[in-house]
Amino acid sequence: MTSREDDIRYLSGVNGEENHVIATVDMETGKIFYSDLAAREDCNAQRLLQGLATMAKKEHPYSISRLENILARVVDYECEELESGEGTGGAREHLSSMGFSEEEMVYFGFPEEALEK
């Protein structure tokens, strides 16, 4: 059984011990950290761990910084609409309909005070 927390995957459940973590895999680097040395010898554990490590080494198909730049430009556009007098509701509604949370709106440059109106 694997579980996920941000960029780390945990492998547990070898030999019937579901809550016993035997190894973790850093999903950014593919590096495996063993917390139970028996996992190094277990064929099933090795198969699962190597699969996770292989997944980790795959590059993301898009540049994260480019995607963040695109999101920031979308928010900038809505801020310009806001300043032109369209009203806060319209800009906030547009961003919300695109899937932005209020926290993300502010992170990418939407004025916090405009959310309160």
Protein backbone atom coordinates (compact mmCIF):
# COMPACT_ATOMS: atom_id res chain seq x y z
CA MET A 1 0.00 0.00 0.00
CA THR A 2 1.34 3.45 -0.85
CA SER A 3 0.27 6.79 0.58
CA ARG A 4 1.22 10.26 -0.56
CA GLU A 5 2.17 13.46 1.22
CA ASP A 6 3.33 16.26 -1.11
CA ASP A 7 6.46 14.97 -2.86
CA ILE A 8 7.03 11.90 -0.69
CA ARG A 9 5.40 8.49 -1.18
CA TYR A 10 5.31 5.97 1.64
CA LEU A 11 5.24 2.20 1.15
CA SER A 12 3.67 0.11 3.88
CA GLY A 13 1.90 -3.21 4.28
CA VAL A 14 4.67 -5.72 3.69
CA ASN A 15 4.23 -8.98 5.62
CA GLY A 16 0.69 -8.02 6.66
CA GLU A 17 1.73 -4.99 8.71
CA GLU A 18 -0.34 -2.26 7.05
CA ASN A 19 0.68 0.57 9.41
CA HIS A 20 4.38 -0.24 9.30
CA VAL A 21 6.20 2.09 6.86
CA ILE A 22 9.06 0.22 5.24
CA ALA A 23 10.32 2.88 2.85
CA THR A 24 9.71 6.36 1.48
CA VAL A 25 10.35 7.62 -2.05
CA ASP A 26 11.19 11.25 -2.78
CA MET A 27 9.02 11.92 -5.84
CA GLU A 28 11.24 14.77 -7.04
CA THR A 29 14.47 12.79 -7.12
CA GLY A 30 13.39 9.14 -7.08
CA LYS A 31 15.61 8.44 -4.09
CA ILE A 32 14.42 5.57 -1.87
CA PHE A 33 14.81 5.81 1.92
CA TYR A 34 14.45 2.50 3.76
CA SER A 35 13.02 2.50 7.28
CA ASP A 36 12.93 -1.32 7.36
CA LEU A 37 16.02 -3.05 5.99
CA ALA A 38 13.97 -6.17 5.19
CA ALA A 39 12.36 -4.15 2.38
CA ARG A 40 15.67 -4.31 0.49
CA GLU A 41 15.28 -8.11 0.27
CA ASP A 42 11.51 -8.30 -0.35
CA CYS A 43 10.78 -8.83 -4.07
CA ASN A 44 7.27 -7.33 -3.92
CA ALA A 45 8.50 -4.26 -2.05
CA GLN A 46 11.35 -3.79 -4.52
CA ARG A 47 8.97 -4.03 -7.48
CA LEU A 48 6.69 -1.36 -5.96
CA LEU A 49 9.55 0.89 -4.89
CA GLN A 50 11.26 0.73 -8.28
CA GLY A 51 7.94 1.57 -9.94
CA LEU A 52 7.55 4.64 -7.73
CA ALA A 53 11.16 5.67 -8.32
CA THR A 54 10.66 5.39 -12.10
CA MET A 55 7.50 7.53 -11.90
CA ALA A 56 9.42 10.13 -9.90
CA LYS A 57 12.11 10.56 -12.51
CA LYS A 58 9.68 11.51 -15.27
CA GLU A 59 9.92 15.17 -16.10
CA HIS A 60 6.86 17.35 -15.91
CA PRO A 61 5.84 18.16 -19.50
CA TYR A 62 5.44 21.88 -18.78
CA SER A 63 7.59 24.48 -17.09
CA ILE A 64 6.10 25.26 -13.67
CA SER A 65 7.47 28.81 -13.77
CA ARG A 66 5.86 29.37 -17.19
CA LEU A 67 2.51 28.09 -15.91
CA GLU A 68 2.75 30.38 -12.87
CA ASN A 69 3.55 33.28 -15.21
CA ILE A 70 0.44 32.54 -17.28
CA LEU A 71 -1.71 32.45 -14.14
CA ALA A 72 -0.24 35.74 -12.95
CA ARG A 73 -1.05 37.33 -16.33
CA VAL A 74 -4.66 36.12 -16.12
CA VAL A 75 -4.97 37.72 -12.69
CA ASP A 76 -3.26 40.91 -14.01
CA TYR A 77 -5.82 41.10 -16.80
CA GLU A 78 -8.67 40.83 -14.32
CA CYS A 79 -7.02 43.49 -12.14
CA GLU A 80 -6.96 45.83 -15.15
CA GLU A 81 -10.67 45.16 -15.66
CA LEU A 82 -11.18 45.91 -11.98
CA GLU A 83 -9.32 49.24 -12.24
CA SER A 84 -11.23 50.20 -15.38
CA GLY A 85 -14.42 50.33 -13.32
CA GLU A 86 -16.05 47.02 -14.26
CA GLY A 87 -16.43 46.33 -10.55
CA THR A 88 -14.93 43.85 -8.14
CA GLY A 89 -17.69 41.30 -8.58
CA GLY A 90 -16.97 40.76 -12.27
CA ALA A 91 -13.22 40.24 -11.88
CA ARG A 92 -13.62 38.04 -8.81
CA GLU A 93 -16.40 36.05 -10.54
CA HIS A 94 -14.24 35.48 -13.63
CA LEU A 95 -11.29 34.24 -11.60
CA SER A 96 -13.51 32.08 -9.44
CA SER A 97 -15.14 30.52 -12.51
CA MET A 98 -11.65 29.66 -13.80
CA GLY A 99 -11.01 27.73 -10.60
CA PHE A 100 -9.00 30.26 -8.57
CA SER A 101 -9.54 30.19 -4.82
CA GLU A 102 -9.43 33.56 -3.05
CA GLU A 103 -6.04 32.60 -1.60
CA GLU A 104 -4.70 31.87 -5.10
CA MET A 105 -6.15 35.14 -6.42
CA VAL A 106 -4.22 37.09 -3.79
CA TYR A 107 -1.06 35.01 -4.33
CA PHE A 108 -1.05 35.90 -8.02
CA GLY A 109 -1.65 39.61 -7.39
CA PHE A 110 -5.39 40.24 -6.97
CA PRO A 111 -5.89 43.00 -4.38
CA GLU A 112 -7.04 41.56 -1.05
CA GLU A 113 -9.22 44.57 -0.35
CA ALA A 114 -11.15 43.88 -3.58
CA LEU A 115 -12.19 40.49 -2.19
CA GLU A 116 -13.75 42.15 0.86
CA LYS A 117 -16.10 44.35 -1.18
